Amino acid sequence: MIWCPRENVLERITNPVTRMRVQNQLEFSGQIHYQAYSSKPFEEHLHRLV
């Protein structure tokens, strides 16, 4: 774990699933992200806001 500025967080994450989840948290607008994906290989099948 490392503390870094919010603007630099995503560039430090290499795992695509973790990167997607953190990006959703950083951009949270009050709506819930519903996502369906496979992890190996990473592929997003569905993404909608609820």
PDB file of N, CA and C in Angstrom:
ATOM      1  N   MET A   1       0.841  -1.159   0.000  1.00  0.00           N
ATOM      2  CA  MET A   1       0.000   0.000   0.000  1.00  0.00           C
ATOM      3  C   MET A   1       0.891   1.229   0.000  1.00  0.00           C
ATOM      4  N   ILE A   2       0.422   2.249  -0.706  1.00  0.00           N
ATOM      5  CA  ILE A   2       1.148   3.512  -0.777  1.00  0.00           C
ATOM      6  C   ILE A   2       0.135   4.653  -0.780  1.00  0.00           C
ATOM      7  N   TRP A   3       0.479   5.721  -0.123  1.00  0.00           N
ATOM      8  CA  TRP A   3      -0.357   6.912  -0.155  1.00  0.00           C
ATOM      9  C   TRP A   3       0.138   7.781  -1.299  1.00  0.00           C
ATOM     10  N   CYS A   4      -0.792   8.229  -2.133  1.00  0.00           N
ATOM     11  CA  CYS A   4      -0.417   9.099  -3.239  1.00  0.00           C
ATOM     12  C   CYS A   4      -1.585  10.045  -3.532  1.00  0.00           C
ATOM     13  N   PRO A   5      -1.319  11.095  -4.272  1.00  0.00           N
ATOM     14  CA  PRO A   5      -2.402  12.023  -4.608  1.00  0.00           C
ATOM     15  C   PRO A   5      -3.501  11.322  -5.413  1.00  0.00           C
ATOM     16  N   ARG A   6      -4.702  11.757  -5.202  1.00  0.00           N
ATOM     17  CA  ARG A   6      -5.872  11.181  -5.871  1.00  0.00           C
ATOM     18  C   ARG A   6      -5.693  11.132  -7.388  1.00  0.00           C
ATOM     19  N   GLU A   7      -5.055  12.159  -7.945  1.00  0.00           N
ATOM     20  CA  GLU A   7      -4.860  12.240  -9.403  1.00  0.00           C
ATOM     21  C   GLU A   7      -3.934  11.149  -9.931  1.00  0.00           C
ATOM     22  N   ASN A   8      -3.118  10.561  -9.068  1.00  0.00           N
ATOM     23  CA  ASN A   8      -2.120   9.575  -9.510  1.00  0.00           C
ATOM     24  C   ASN A   8      -2.504   8.139  -9.194  1.00  0.00           C
ATOM     25  N   VAL A   9      -3.625   7.919  -8.582  1.00  0.00           N
ATOM     26  CA  VAL A   9      -3.996   6.577  -8.127  1.00  0.00           C
ATOM     27  C   VAL A   9      -4.121   5.601  -9.294  1.00  0.00           C
ATOM     28  N   LEU A  10      -4.880   5.956 -10.314  1.00  0.00           N
ATOM     29  CA  LEU A  10      -5.171   5.006 -11.399  1.00  0.00           C
ATOM     30  C   LEU A  10      -3.922   4.581 -12.165  1.00  0.00           C
ATOM     31  N   GLU A  11      -2.966   5.466 -12.315  1.00  0.00           N
ATOM     32  CA  GLU A  11      -1.752   5.105 -13.058  1.00  0.00           C
ATOM     33  C   GLU A  11      -0.895   4.096 -12.299  1.00  0.00           C
ATOM     34  N   ARG A  12      -1.138   3.920 -11.010  1.00  0.00           N
ATOM     35  CA  ARG A  12      -0.367   2.979 -10.198  1.00  0.00           C
ATOM     36  C   ARG A  12      -1.005   1.588 -10.139  1.00  0.00           C
ATOM     37  N   ILE A  13      -2.251   1.460 -10.585  1.00  0.00           N
ATOM     38  CA  ILE A  13      -2.968   0.189 -10.489  1.00  0.00           C
ATOM     39  C   ILE A  13      -2.810  -0.578 -11.795  1.00  0.00           C
ATOM     40  N   THR A  14      -2.306  -1.798 -11.702  1.00  0.00           N
ATOM     41  CA  THR A  14      -2.071  -2.602 -12.901  1.00  0.00           C
ATOM     42  C   THR A  14      -3.175  -3.620 -13.167  1.00  0.00           C
ATOM     43  N   ASN A  15      -3.866  -4.060 -12.136  1.00  0.00           N
ATOM     44  CA  ASN A  15      -4.935  -5.039 -12.315  1.00  0.00           C
ATOM     45  C   ASN A  15      -6.164  -4.335 -12.893  1.00  0.00           C
ATOM     46  N   PRO A  16      -6.662  -4.768 -14.069  1.00  0.00           N
ATOM     47  CA  PRO A  16      -7.772  -4.059 -14.718  1.00  0.00           C
ATOM     48  C   PRO A  16      -9.076  -4.054 -13.910  1.00  0.00           C
ATOM     49  N   VAL A  17      -9.361  -5.128 -13.185  1.00  0.00           N
ATOM     50  CA  VAL A  17     -10.592  -5.178 -12.379  1.00  0.00           C
ATOM     51  C   VAL A  17     -10.496  -4.174 -11.226  1.00  0.00           C
ATOM     52  N   THR A  18      -9.373  -4.169 -10.539  1.00  0.00           N
ATOM     53  CA  THR A  18      -9.177  -3.236  -9.435  1.00  0.00           C
ATOM     54  C   THR A  18      -9.188  -1.804  -9.944  1.00  0.00           C
ATOM     55  N   ARG A  19      -8.558  -1.566 -11.075  1.00  0.00           N
ATOM     56  CA  ARG A  19      -8.528  -0.219 -11.670  1.00  0.00           C
ATOM     57  C   ARG A  19      -9.946   0.262 -11.973  1.00  0.00           C
ATOM     58  N   MET A  20     -10.782  -0.596 -12.561  1.00  0.00           N
ATOM     59  CA  MET A  20     -12.163  -0.247 -12.882  1.00  0.00           C
ATOM     60  C   MET A  20     -12.937   0.091 -11.616  1.00  0.00           C
ATOM     61  N   ARG A  21     -12.785  -0.707 -10.579  1.00  0.00           N
ATOM     62  CA  ARG A  21     -13.509  -0.478  -9.325  1.00  0.00           C
ATOM     63  C   ARG A  21     -13.074   0.820  -8.651  1.00  0.00           C
ATOM     64  N   VAL A  22     -11.776   1.066  -8.623  1.00  0.00           N
ATOM     65  CA  VAL A  22     -11.278   2.299  -8.003  1.00  0.00           C
ATOM     66  C   VAL A  22     -11.715   3.513  -8.817  1.00  0.00           C
ATOM     67  N   GLN A  23     -11.689   3.410 -10.130  1.00  0.00           N
ATOM     68  CA  GLN A  23     -12.140   4.510 -10.975  1.00  0.00           C
ATOM     69  C   GLN A  23     -13.605   4.832 -10.690  1.00  0.00           C
ATOM     70  N   ASN A  24     -14.438   3.813 -10.525  1.00  0.00           N
ATOM     71  CA  ASN A  24     -15.845   4.026 -10.186  1.00  0.00           C
ATOM     72  C   ASN A  24     -15.983   4.732  -8.844  1.00  0.00           C
ATOM     73  N   GLN A  25     -15.155   4.371  -7.893  1.00  0.00           N
ATOM     74  CA  GLN A  25     -15.200   5.017  -6.577  1.00  0.00           C
ATOM     75  C   GLN A  25     -14.760   6.472  -6.654  1.00  0.00           C
ATOM     76  N   LEU A  26     -13.712   6.731  -7.417  1.00  0.00           N
ATOM     77  CA  LEU A  26     -13.210   8.099  -7.536  1.00  0.00           C
ATOM     78  C   LEU A  26     -14.196   9.013  -8.262  1.00  0.00           C
ATOM     79  N   GLU A  27     -14.969   8.451  -9.190  1.00  0.00           N
ATOM     80  CA  GLU A  27     -15.916   9.235  -9.981  1.00  0.00           C
ATOM     81  C   GLU A  27     -17.344   9.115  -9.460  1.00  0.00           C
ATOM     82  N   PHE A  28     -17.517   8.650  -8.242  1.00  0.00           N
ATOM     83  CA  PHE A  28     -18.853   8.409  -7.690  1.00  0.00           C
ATOM     84  C   PHE A  28     -19.697   9.677  -7.705  1.00  0.00           C
ATOM     85  N   SER A  29     -20.897   9.551  -8.279  1.00  0.00           N
ATOM     86  CA  SER A  29     -21.799  10.699  -8.401  1.00  0.00           C
ATOM     87  C   SER A  29     -23.084  10.490  -7.616  1.00  0.00           C
ATOM     88  N   GLY A  30     -23.171   9.378  -6.881  1.00  0.00           N
ATOM     89  CA  GLY A  30     -24.381   9.070  -6.141  1.00  0.00           C
ATOM     90  C   GLY A  30     -25.160   7.922  -6.768  1.00  0.00           C
ATOM     91  N   GLN A  31     -24.851   7.609  -8.018  1.00  0.00           N
ATOM     92  CA  GLN A  31     -25.493   6.479  -8.686  1.00  0.00           C
ATOM     93  C   GLN A  31     -24.632   5.234  -8.508  1.00  0.00           C
ATOM     94  N   ILE A  32     -25.281   4.087  -8.492  1.00  0.00           N
ATOM     95  CA  ILE A  32     -24.592   2.813  -8.303  1.00  0.00           C
ATOM     96  C   ILE A  32     -24.214   2.238  -9.659  1.00  0.00           C
ATOM     97  N   HIS A  33     -22.969   1.790  -9.785  1.00  0.00           N
ATOM     98  CA  HIS A  33     -22.495   1.145 -11.006  1.00  0.00           C
ATOM     99  C   HIS A  33     -22.852  -0.338 -10.938  1.00  0.00           C
ATOM    100  N   TYR A  34     -23.544  -0.825 -11.949  1.00  0.00           N
ATOM    101  CA  TYR A  34     -23.814  -2.263 -12.086  1.00  0.00           C
ATOM    102  C   TYR A  34     -22.974  -2.731 -13.258  1.00  0.00           C
ATOM    103  N   GLN A  35     -22.045  -3.648 -12.995  1.00  0.00           N
ATOM    104  CA  GLN A  35     -21.143  -4.105 -14.037  1.00  0.00           C
ATOM    105  C   GLN A  35     -21.039  -5.616 -14.048  1.00  0.00           C
ATOM    106  N   ALA A  36     -21.002  -6.154 -15.242  1.00  0.00           N
ATOM    107  CA  ALA A  36     -20.746  -7.582 -15.422  1.00  0.00           C
ATOM    108  C   ALA A  36     -19.470  -7.691 -16.250  1.00  0.00           C
ATOM    109  N   TYR A  37     -18.545  -8.518 -15.785  1.00  0.00           N
ATOM    110  CA  TYR A  37     -17.263  -8.633 -16.471  1.00  0.00           C
ATOM    111  C   TYR A  37     -16.656  -9.999 -16.193  1.00  0.00           C
ATOM    112  N   SER A  38     -15.710 -10.380 -17.039  1.00  0.00           N
ATOM    113  CA  SER A  38     -14.887 -11.557 -16.779  1.00  0.00           C
ATOM    114  C   SER A  38     -13.486 -11.031 -16.472  1.00  0.00           C
ATOM    115  N   SER A  39     -12.765 -11.758 -15.639  1.00  0.00           N
ATOM    116  CA  SER A  39     -11.492 -11.215 -15.168  1.00  0.00           C
ATOM    117  C   SER A  39     -10.258 -11.738 -15.901  1.00  0.00           C
ATOM    118  N   LYS A  40     -10.332 -12.924 -16.468  1.00  0.00           N
ATOM    119  CA  LYS A  40      -9.153 -13.477 -17.146  1.00  0.00           C
ATOM    120  C   LYS A  40      -9.546 -14.100 -18.466  1.00  0.00           C
ATOM    121  N   PRO A  41      -9.383 -13.422 -19.554  1.00  0.00           N
ATOM    122  CA  PRO A  41      -8.888 -12.055 -19.678  1.00  0.00           C
ATOM    123  C   PRO A  41      -9.985 -11.051 -19.311  1.00  0.00           C
ATOM    124  N   PHE A  42      -9.579  -9.869 -18.909  1.00  0.00           N
ATOM    125  CA  PHE A  42     -10.551  -8.856 -18.510  1.00  0.00           C
ATOM    126  C   PHE A  42     -11.385  -8.427 -19.716  1.00  0.00           C
ATOM    127  N   GLU A  43     -12.689  -8.483 -19.523  1.00  0.00           N
ATOM    128  CA  GLU A  43     -13.624  -8.004 -20.543  1.00  0.00           C
ATOM    129  C   GLU A  43     -14.890  -7.538 -19.828  1.00  0.00           C
ATOM    130  N   GLU A  44     -15.278  -6.314 -20.107  1.00  0.00           N
ATOM    131  CA  GLU A  44     -16.495  -5.770 -19.518  1.00  0.00           C
ATOM    132  C   GLU A  44     -17.661  -6.117 -20.438  1.00  0.00           C
ATOM    133  N   HIS A  45     -18.675  -6.792 -19.900  1.00  0.00           N
ATOM    134  CA  HIS A  45     -19.810  -7.231 -20.694  1.00  0.00           C
ATOM    135  C   HIS A  45     -20.989  -6.257 -20.581  1.00  0.00           C
ATOM    136  N   LEU A  46     -21.104  -5.602 -19.435  1.00  0.00           N
ATOM    137  CA  LEU A  46     -22.234  -4.716 -19.197  1.00  0.00           C
ATOM    138  C   LEU A  46     -21.835  -3.677 -18.172  1.00  0.00           C
ATOM    139  N   HIS A  47     -22.258  -2.434 -18.400  1.00  0.00           N
ATOM    140  CA  HIS A  47     -22.023  -1.366 -17.435  1.00  0.00           C
ATOM    141  C   HIS A  47     -23.197  -0.403 -17.512  1.00  0.00           C
ATOM    142  N   ARG A  48     -23.905  -0.294 -16.415  1.00  0.00           N
ATOM    143  CA  ARG A  48     -25.013   0.658 -16.364  1.00  0.00           C
ATOM    144  C   ARG A  48     -25.074   1.273 -14.982  1.00  0.00           C
ATOM    145  N   LEU A  49     -25.666   2.432 -14.929  1.00  0.00           N
ATOM    146  CA  LEU A  49     -25.864   3.112 -13.653  1.00  0.00           C
ATOM    147  C   LEU A  49     -27.276   2.858 -13.176  1.00  0.00           C
ATOM    148  N   VAL A  50     -27.405   2.573 -11.893  1.00  0.00           N
ATOM    149  CA  VAL A  50     -28.717   2.267 -11.306  1.00  0.00           C
ATOM    150  C   VAL A  50     -29.142   3.436 -10.452  1.00  0.00           C
TER     151      VAL A  50
END
